[in-house]
C-alpha atoms as a PDB file:
ATOM      1  CA  MET A   1     196.474 244.504  19.394  1.00  0.00           C
ATOM      2  CA  ARG A   2     195.509 248.028  20.459  1.00  0.00           C
ATOM      3  CA  ARG A   3     192.674 246.778  22.669  1.00  0.00           C
ATOM      4  CA  PHE A   4     194.913 244.130  24.219  1.00  0.00           C
ATOM      5  CA  LEU A   5     197.607 246.675  25.101  1.00  0.00           C
ATOM      6  CA  ASP A   6     195.096 249.188  26.465  1.00  0.00           C
ATOM      7  CA  ARG A   7     193.558 246.461  28.623  1.00  0.00           C
ATOM      8  CA  LEU A   8     197.030 245.415  29.767  1.00  0.00           C
ATOM      9  CA  TYR A   9     197.859 248.977  30.844  1.00  0.00           C
ATOM     10  CA  ASP A  10     194.458 249.404  32.496  1.00  0.00           C
ATOM     11  CA  GLY A  11     194.842 246.075  34.299  1.00  0.00           C
ATOM     12  CA  ALA A  12     198.265 247.066  35.568  1.00  0.00           C
ATOM     13  CA  GLY A  13     196.831 250.395  36.734  1.00  0.00           C
ATOM     14  CA  ALA A  14     194.042 248.531  38.523  1.00  0.00           C
ATOM     15  CA  LEU A  15     196.622 246.302  40.247  1.00  0.00           C
ATOM     16  CA  GLY A  16     198.473 249.443  41.341  1.00  0.00           C
ATOM     17  CA  ALA A  17     195.228 250.866  42.742  1.00  0.00           C
ATOM     18  CA  LEU A  18     194.522 247.574  44.524  1.00  0.00           C
ATOM     19  CA  CYS A  19     197.965 247.778  46.133  1.00  0.00           C
ATOM     20  CA  VAL A  20     197.182 251.292  47.388  1.00  0.00           C
ATOM     21  CA  PHE A  21     193.887 250.038  48.820  1.00  0.00           C
ATOM     22  CA  LEU A  22     195.659 247.136  50.547  1.00  0.00           C
ATOM     23  CA  ILE A  23     198.151 249.606  52.045  1.00  0.00           C
ATOM     24  CA  PHE A  24     195.207 251.552  53.433  1.00  0.00           C
ATOM     25  CA  VAL A  25     193.608 248.412  54.905  1.00  0.00           C
ATOM     26  CA  LEU A  26     196.866 247.172  56.439  1.00  0.00           C
ATOM     27  CA  MET A  27     197.725 250.556  57.953  1.00  0.00           C
ATOM     28  CA  ILE A  28     194.268 250.866  59.549  1.00  0.00           C
ATOM     29  CA  TRP A  29     194.452 247.278  60.760  1.00  0.00           C
ATOM     30  CA  ALA A  30     197.935 247.835  62.239  1.00  0.00           C
ATOM     31  CA  GLY A  31     196.849 251.079  63.913  1.00  0.00           C
ATOM     32  CA  VAL A  32     193.834 249.434  65.528  1.00  0.00           C
ATOM     33  CA  GLY A  33     195.875 246.335  66.323  1.00  0.00           C
ATOM     34  CA  ARG A  34     198.509 248.314  68.168  1.00  0.00           C
ATOM     35  CA  GLN A  35     195.801 249.931  70.315  1.00  0.00           C
ATOM     36  CA  LEU A  36     194.401 246.480  71.119  1.00  0.00           C
ATOM     37  CA  ASN A  37     197.885 245.005  71.783  1.00  0.00           C
ATOM     38  CA  TRP A  38     197.732 242.672  68.780  1.00  0.00           C
ATOM     39  CA  ARG A  39     200.941 241.481  67.190  1.00  0.00           C
ATOM     40  CA  VAL A  40     201.211 243.484  63.989  1.00  0.00           C
ATOM     41  CA  SER A  41     204.926 243.090  63.371  1.00  0.00           C
ATOM     42  CA  GLY A  42     205.741 242.478  59.755  1.00  0.00           C
ATOM     43  CA  VAL A  43     203.022 244.773  58.446  1.00  0.00           C
ATOM     44  CA  ASN A  44     205.687 247.364  57.644  1.00  0.00           C
ATOM     45  CA  ASP A  45     207.499 244.871  55.386  1.00  0.00           C
ATOM     46  CA  ILE A  46     204.317 244.073  53.494  1.00  0.00           C
ATOM     47  CA  VAL A  47     203.370 247.759  53.194  1.00  0.00           C
ATOM     48  CA  ALA A  48     206.828 248.562  51.806  1.00  0.00           C
ATOM     49  CA  TRP A  49     206.462 245.858  49.152  1.00  0.00           C
ATOM     50  CA  LEU A  50     202.959 247.079  48.325  1.00  0.00           C
ATOM     51  CA  CYS A  51     204.259 250.647  47.923  1.00  0.00           C
ATOM     52  CA  ALA A  52     206.796 249.444  45.377  1.00  0.00           C
ATOM     53  CA  SER A  53     204.134 247.322  43.671  1.00  0.00           C
ATOM     54  CA  ALA A  54     201.704 250.232  43.462  1.00  0.00           C
ATOM     55  CA  SER A  55     204.372 252.421  41.895  1.00  0.00           C
ATOM     56  CA  PHE A  56     205.660 249.973  39.323  1.00  0.00           C
ATOM     57  CA  PHE A  57     202.324 248.459  38.310  1.00  0.00           C
ATOM     58  CA  ALA A  58     200.893 251.927  37.711  1.00  0.00           C
ATOM     59  CA  MET A  59     203.765 253.338  35.617  1.00  0.00           C
ATOM     60  CA  ALA A  60     202.608 252.168  32.189  1.00  0.00           C
ATOM     61  CA  HIS A  61     199.023 253.247  32.866  1.00  0.00           C
ATOM     62  CA  ALA A  62     200.069 256.658  34.184  1.00  0.00           C
ATOM     63  CA  PHE A  63     202.400 257.218  31.234  1.00  0.00           C
ATOM     64  CA  ARG A  64     199.744 256.415  28.642  1.00  0.00           C
ATOM     65  CA  HIS A  65     197.175 258.662  30.338  1.00  0.00           C
ATOM     66  CA  GLY A  66     199.340 261.761  30.649  1.00  0.00           C
ATOM     67  CA  ASP A  67     199.739 261.419  34.412  1.00  0.00           C
ATOM     68  CA  PHE A  68     203.459 260.805  34.294  1.00  0.00           C
ATOM     69  CA  VAL A  69     205.760 263.676  35.206  1.00  0.00           C
ATOM     70  CA  ARG A  70     206.982 265.232  31.964  1.00  0.00           C
ATOM     71  CA  VAL A  71     208.619 268.584  31.429  1.00  0.00           C
ATOM     72  CA  THR A  72     206.973 269.991  28.309  1.00  0.00           C
ATOM     73  CA  LEU A  73     208.018 273.639  28.522  1.00  0.00           C
ATOM     74  CA  LEU A  74     210.392 273.287  25.575  1.00  0.00           C
ATOM     75  CA  LEU A  75     208.192 270.925  23.548  1.00  0.00           C
ATOM     76  CA  GLU A  76     205.197 273.279  23.713  1.00  0.00           C
ATOM     77  CA  LYS A  77     207.254 276.100  22.177  1.00  0.00           C
ATOM     78  CA  LEU A  78     208.457 274.088  19.182  1.00  0.00           C
ATOM     79  CA  PRO A  79     206.747 274.102  15.781  1.00  0.00           C
ATOM     80  CA  PRO A  80     204.903 270.823  14.978  1.00  0.00           C
ATOM     81  CA  ALA A  81     207.684 269.252  12.860  1.00  0.00           C
ATOM     82  CA  ALA A  82     210.397 270.028  15.406  1.00  0.00           C
ATOM     83  CA  ARG A  83     208.149 268.913  18.238  1.00  0.00           C
ATOM     84  CA  ARG A  84     207.638 265.557  16.559  1.00  0.00           C
ATOM     85  CA  VAL A  85     211.407 265.082  16.169  1.00  0.00           C
ATOM     86  CA  ALA A  86     211.981 266.068  19.808  1.00  0.00           C
ATOM     87  CA  GLU A  87     209.157 263.743  20.915  1.00  0.00           C
ATOM     88  CA  VAL A  88     210.746 260.826  19.034  1.00  0.00           C
ATOM     89  CA  ALA A  89     214.160 261.652  20.529  1.00  0.00           C
ATOM     90  CA  CYS A  90     212.691 261.777  24.050  1.00  0.00           C
ATOM     91  CA  LEU A  91     210.886 258.482  23.543  1.00  0.00           C
ATOM     92  CA  LEU A  92     214.057 256.849  22.191  1.00  0.00           C
ATOM     93  CA  ILE A  93     216.087 258.047  25.175  1.00  0.00           C
ATOM     94  CA  ALA A  94     213.371 256.831  27.544  1.00  0.00           C
ATOM     95  CA  LEU A  95     213.151 253.488  25.723  1.00  0.00           C
ATOM     96  CA  VAL A  96     216.899 252.898  26.008  1.00  0.00           C
ATOM     97  CA  SER A  97     216.973 253.990  29.659  1.00  0.00           C
ATOM     98  CA  VAL A  98     213.996 251.891  30.693  1.00  0.00           C
ATOM     99  CA  GLY A  99     215.308 248.999  28.590  1.00  0.00           C
ATOM    100  CA  TYR A 100     218.546 249.114  30.576  1.00  0.00           C
ATOM    101  CA  LEU A 101     216.606 249.271  33.867  1.00  0.00           C
ATOM    102  CA  THR A 102     214.367 246.392  32.773  1.00  0.00           C
ATOM    103  CA  TRP A 103     217.326 244.225  31.812  1.00  0.00           C
ATOM    104  CA  TRP A 104     218.983 244.650  35.187  1.00  0.00           C
ATOM    105  CA  ALA A 105     215.766 244.416  37.197  1.00  0.00           C
ATOM    106  CA  THR A 106     215.026 241.113  35.495  1.00  0.00           C
ATOM    107  CA  ALA A 107     218.591 239.837  35.970  1.00  0.00           C
ATOM    108  CA  PHE A 108     218.577 240.888  39.626  1.00  0.00           C
ATOM    109  CA  THR A 109     215.254 239.153  40.257  1.00  0.00           C
ATOM    110  CA  TRP A 110     216.407 235.997  38.482  1.00  0.00           C
ATOM    111  CA  GLU A 111     219.621 235.982  40.509  1.00  0.00           C
ATOM    112  CA  SER A 112     217.623 236.223  43.744  1.00  0.00           C
ATOM    113  CA  TYR A 113     215.517 233.286  42.560  1.00  0.00           C
ATOM    114  CA  GLU A 114     218.565 231.178  41.619  1.00  0.00           C
ATOM    115  CA  PHE A 115     220.280 231.731  44.960  1.00  0.00           C
ATOM    116  CA  ALA A 116     217.034 231.261  46.935  1.00  0.00           C
ATOM    117  CA  GLU A 117     217.608 234.602  48.633  1.00  0.00           C
ATOM    118  CA  MET A 118     215.181 235.331  51.457  1.00  0.00           C
ATOM    119  CA  ALA A 119     213.825 238.659  52.717  1.00  0.00           C
ATOM    120  CA  THR A 120     215.642 239.859  55.817  1.00  0.00           C
ATOM    121  CA  GLY A 121     212.701 241.590  57.514  1.00  0.00           C
ATOM    122  CA  LEU A 122     210.139 240.171  59.893  1.00  0.00           C
ATOM    123  CA  VAL A 123     208.241 238.502  57.040  1.00  0.00           C
ATOM    124  CA  VAL A 124     210.642 235.946  55.634  1.00  0.00           C
ATOM    125  CA  ILE A 125     209.698 235.026  52.072  1.00  0.00           C
ATOM    126  CA  PRO A 126     211.738 234.479  48.927  1.00  0.00           C
ATOM    127  CA  ILE A 127     212.787 238.006  47.977  1.00  0.00           C
ATOM    128  CA  TRP A 128     212.281 237.329  44.264  1.00  0.00           C
ATOM    129  CA  ILE A 129     208.514 237.476  44.851  1.00  0.00           C
ATOM    130  CA  PRO A 130     208.354 241.201  45.691  1.00  0.00           C
ATOM    131  CA  GLN A 131     211.266 241.879  43.320  1.00  0.00           C
ATOM    132  CA  SER A 132     209.338 240.301  40.438  1.00  0.00           C
ATOM    133  CA  VAL A 133     206.749 243.075  40.706  1.00  0.00           C
ATOM    134  CA  PHE A 134     209.528 245.565  40.026  1.00  0.00           C
ATOM    135  CA  ALA A 135     210.648 243.595  36.972  1.00  0.00           C
ATOM    136  CA  ILE A 136     207.081 243.136  35.667  1.00  0.00           C
ATOM    137  CA  GLY A 137     206.368 246.848  36.099  1.00  0.00           C
ATOM    138  CA  CYS A 138     209.550 247.700  34.211  1.00  0.00           C
ATOM    139  CA  TRP A 139     208.550 245.368  31.360  1.00  0.00           C
ATOM    140  CA  LEU A 140     205.085 246.912  31.179  1.00  0.00           C
ATOM    141  CA  PHE A 141     206.568 250.408  31.095  1.00  0.00           C
ATOM    142  CA  LEU A 142     209.040 249.332  28.396  1.00  0.00           C
ATOM    143  CA  VAL A 143     206.179 247.955  26.286  1.00  0.00           C
ATOM    144  CA  ALA A 144     204.220 251.195  26.789  1.00  0.00           C
ATOM    145  CA  LEU A 145     207.223 253.252  25.655  1.00  0.00           C
ATOM    146  CA  ALA A 146     207.770 251.069  22.584  1.00  0.00           C
ATOM    147  CA  ASP A 147     204.048 251.240  21.814  1.00  0.00           C
ATOM    148  CA  GLU A 148     204.121 255.023  22.070  1.00  0.00           C
ATOM    149  CA  LEU A 149     207.259 255.321  19.946  1.00  0.00           C
ATOM    150  CA  VAL A 150     205.715 253.221  17.175  1.00  0.00           C
ATOM    151  CA  GLY A 151     202.583 255.367  17.274  1.00  0.00           C
ATOM    152  CA  VAL A 152     204.544 258.606  17.039  1.00  0.00           C
ATOM    153  CA  LEU A 153     206.774 257.237  14.259  1.00  0.00           C
ATOM    154  CA  ARG A 154     203.615 256.381  12.322  1.00  0.00           C
ATOM    155  CA  GLY A 155     202.598 260.024  12.552  1.00  0.00           C
ATOM    156  CA  GLY A 156     200.174 259.800  15.451  1.00  0.00           C
ATOM    157  CA  THR A 157     199.808 262.151  18.383  1.00  0.00           C
ATOM    158  CA  PRO A 158     201.244 260.703  21.594  1.00  0.00           C
ATOM    159  CA  SER A 159     198.547 259.210  23.826  1.00  0.00           C
ATOM    160  CA  TYR A 160     199.735 261.213  26.819  1.00  0.00           C
ATOM    161  CA  GLN A 161     199.403 264.430  24.808  1.00  0.00           C
ATOM    162  CA  ARG A 162     195.897 263.451  23.647  1.00  0.00           C
ATOM    163  CA  ALA A 163     194.876 262.632  27.214  1.00  0.00           C
ATOM    164  CA  VAL A 164     196.032 266.020  28.492  1.00  0.00           C
ATOM    165  CA  GLU A 165     194.334 267.832  25.592  1.00  0.00           C
ATOM    166  CA  GLU A 166     191.073 265.966  26.289  1.00  0.00           C
ATOM    167  CA  ARG A 167     191.212 266.933  29.964  1.00  0.00           C
ATOM    168  CA  HIS A 168     191.888 270.562  29.047  1.00  0.00           C
ATOM    169  CA  ALA A 169     188.997 270.551  26.552  1.00  0.00           C
ATOM    170  CA  ALA A 170     186.737 269.331  29.368  1.00  0.00           C
ATOM    171  CA  GLY A 171     187.941 272.191  31.590  1.00  0.00           C
ATOM    172  CA  ASP A 172     190.114 270.019  33.840  1.00  0.00           C
ATOM    173  CA  PHE A 173     193.474 271.661  34.470  1.00  0.00           C
ATOM    174  CA  SER A 174     194.145 269.855  37.765  1.00  0.00           C
ATOM    175  CA  SER A 175     197.100 267.903  36.364  1.00  0.00           C
ATOM    176  CA  ASP A 176     198.875 271.149  35.469  1.00  0.00           C
ATOM    177  CA  ILE A 177     199.207 272.304  39.055  1.00  0.00           C
END
């Protein structure tokens, strides 16, 4: 199960990176196209959807690898037992919050599908298609949070903490800036 979940998070991170690359390609193409008087209308709609896709696909991967924004000033000052309790509390709060977001993102996407709602921009497609990326990203992040909570409850060190410690041991403090 561990390998499956790690591959799932890595795959989602790769999809997020692919979305960033596609944004790059589309922006260059649109810039050149405008200079050559090509019709590039609608590129902005697609780029906006890709920005959202890049963000939400990458959340679970970033969280597991210690690249998610976390304020650890208080946690670093706590003794190990208290830190573990605080870590569990933080993960529980995050799990409930992201669970609530996931529920409504899924309901919102399903509602758009049921009513056959269409995008209102220049690229007219069923809006549930780009919205589904939001819902999928939320589900992946929810799974990553639950996975992390189970690991910490079993007495393990959080993966994001291990990732940061490994980077520090290798002399990489770039994520601390």
